[in-house]
Amino acid sequence: PTTISRAMKLNYISKSLERISDHATNIAEMVIFMVKGKDIRHTIA
């Protein structure tokens, strides 16, 4: 039971960290667009 609880908490934390990183990426893309006027969204790396 405690293992399941810990696994669920880790899953929630990992999803939250992924959302945070997605938001940070979006903010960085917006800043680049505002500063350089270049839209880098949806480009292949």
N, C-alpha and C. Protein backbone atom coordinates (compact mmCIF):
# COMPACT_ATOMS: atom_id res chain seq x y z
N PRO A 1 0.80 -1.22 0.00
CA PRO A 1 0.00 0.00 0.00
C PRO A 1 0.84 1.28 0.00
N THR A 2 1.91 1.32 0.81
CA THR A 2 2.71 2.54 0.82
C THR A 2 3.48 2.69 -0.48
N THR A 3 3.85 1.57 -1.09
CA THR A 3 4.56 1.63 -2.37
C THR A 3 3.67 2.21 -3.46
N ILE A 4 2.41 1.82 -3.46
CA ILE A 4 1.46 2.35 -4.45
C ILE A 4 1.27 3.84 -4.23
N SER A 5 1.14 4.25 -2.99
CA SER A 5 0.97 5.66 -2.68
C SER A 5 2.17 6.47 -3.14
N ARG A 6 3.36 5.97 -2.88
CA ARG A 6 4.57 6.67 -3.32
C ARG A 6 4.66 6.73 -4.83
N ALA A 7 4.31 5.65 -5.49
CA ALA A 7 4.35 5.62 -6.96
C ALA A 7 3.36 6.63 -7.54
N MET A 8 2.19 6.73 -6.95
CA MET A 8 1.20 7.69 -7.43
C MET A 8 1.68 9.12 -7.22
N LYS A 9 2.31 9.38 -6.08
CA LYS A 9 2.84 10.72 -5.82
C LYS A 9 3.96 11.06 -6.80
N LEU A 10 4.84 10.10 -7.07
CA LEU A 10 5.91 10.33 -8.04
C LEU A 10 5.36 10.58 -9.43
N ASN A 11 4.32 9.87 -9.80
CA ASN A 11 3.68 10.08 -11.09
C ASN A 11 3.10 11.48 -11.18
N TYR A 12 2.43 11.92 -10.12
CA TYR A 12 1.85 13.27 -10.09
C TYR A 12 2.95 14.32 -10.18
N ILE A 13 4.04 14.12 -9.43
CA ILE A 13 5.15 15.07 -9.45
C ILE A 13 5.77 15.15 -10.83
N SER A 14 5.97 14.00 -11.47
CA SER A 14 6.60 14.00 -12.80
C SER A 14 5.71 14.69 -13.83
N LYS A 15 4.40 14.50 -13.74
CA LYS A 15 3.49 15.19 -14.66
C LYS A 15 3.52 16.70 -14.42
N SER A 16 3.60 17.09 -13.15
CA SER A 16 3.66 18.51 -12.82
C SER A 16 4.95 19.14 -13.34
N LEU A 17 6.06 18.43 -13.17
CA LEU A 17 7.34 18.95 -13.68
C LEU A 17 7.31 19.06 -15.21
N GLU A 18 6.67 18.13 -15.86
CA GLU A 18 6.56 18.20 -17.32
C GLU A 18 5.74 19.42 -17.74
N ARG A 19 4.67 19.69 -17.03
CA ARG A 19 3.85 20.88 -17.34
C ARG A 19 4.65 22.16 -17.12
N ILE A 20 5.43 22.20 -16.04
CA ILE A 20 6.26 23.37 -15.76
C ILE A 20 7.26 23.59 -16.89
N SER A 21 7.89 22.51 -17.35
CA SER A 21 8.87 22.64 -18.43
C SER A 21 8.19 23.07 -19.74
N ASP A 22 6.98 22.59 -20.00
CA ASP A 22 6.24 23.02 -21.19
C ASP A 22 5.92 24.51 -21.12
N HIS A 23 5.51 24.98 -19.95
CA HIS A 23 5.23 26.41 -19.78
C HIS A 23 6.50 27.24 -19.96
N ALA A 24 7.61 26.77 -19.42
CA ALA A 24 8.88 27.50 -19.56
C ALA A 24 9.29 27.57 -21.03
N THR A 25 9.08 26.50 -21.76
CA THR A 25 9.39 26.49 -23.19
C THR A 25 8.52 27.50 -23.93
N ASN A 26 7.24 27.53 -23.62
CA ASN A 26 6.33 28.48 -24.26
C ASN A 26 6.74 29.92 -23.97
N ILE A 27 7.11 30.20 -22.73
CA ILE A 27 7.54 31.55 -22.36
C ILE A 27 8.80 31.93 -23.12
N ALA A 28 9.76 31.01 -23.21
CA ALA A 28 11.00 31.29 -23.93
C ALA A 28 10.71 31.56 -25.41
N GLU A 29 9.82 30.80 -26.02
CA GLU A 29 9.47 31.02 -27.42
C GLU A 29 8.81 32.38 -27.61
N MET A 30 7.96 32.80 -26.66
CA MET A 30 7.33 34.11 -26.75
C MET A 30 8.35 35.23 -26.62
N VAL A 31 9.31 35.05 -25.72
CA VAL A 31 10.35 36.07 -25.53
C VAL A 31 11.18 36.22 -26.80
N ILE A 32 11.56 35.10 -27.41
CA ILE A 32 12.33 35.16 -28.65
C ILE A 32 11.53 35.87 -29.73
N PHE A 33 10.24 35.60 -29.81
CA PHE A 33 9.41 36.28 -30.80
C PHE A 33 9.34 37.77 -30.52
N MET A 34 9.20 38.16 -29.25
CA MET A 34 9.11 39.57 -28.90
C MET A 34 10.42 40.30 -29.17
N VAL A 35 11.55 39.66 -28.92
CA VAL A 35 12.85 40.33 -29.06
C VAL A 35 13.33 40.31 -30.51
N LYS A 36 13.25 39.15 -31.16
CA LYS A 36 13.81 39.00 -32.51
C LYS A 36 12.77 39.06 -33.61
N GLY A 37 11.51 38.90 -33.26
CA GLY A 37 10.46 38.87 -34.27
C GLY A 37 10.47 37.58 -35.08
N LYS A 38 11.08 36.56 -34.53
CA LYS A 38 11.19 35.28 -35.23
C LYS A 38 10.34 34.25 -34.51
N ASP A 39 9.46 33.60 -35.27
CA ASP A 39 8.58 32.58 -34.70
C ASP A 39 9.29 31.24 -34.80
N ILE A 40 9.70 30.68 -33.66
CA ILE A 40 10.43 29.42 -33.66
C ILE A 40 9.55 28.25 -33.23
N ARG A 41 8.28 28.51 -33.05
CA ARG A 41 7.37 27.43 -32.66
C ARG A 41 7.20 26.45 -33.80
N HIS A 42 7.02 25.21 -33.46
CA HIS A 42 6.73 24.14 -34.42
C HIS A 42 7.83 23.96 -35.46
N THR A 43 9.08 24.22 -35.07
CA THR A 43 10.19 23.98 -35.99
C THR A 43 10.88 22.67 -35.61
N ILE A 44 11.49 22.05 -36.58
CA ILE A 44 12.21 20.80 -36.34
C ILE A 44 13.61 21.15 -35.88
N ALA A 45 14.03 20.53 -34.77
CA ALA A 45 15.32 20.86 -34.17
C ALA A 45 16.45 20.41 -35.00
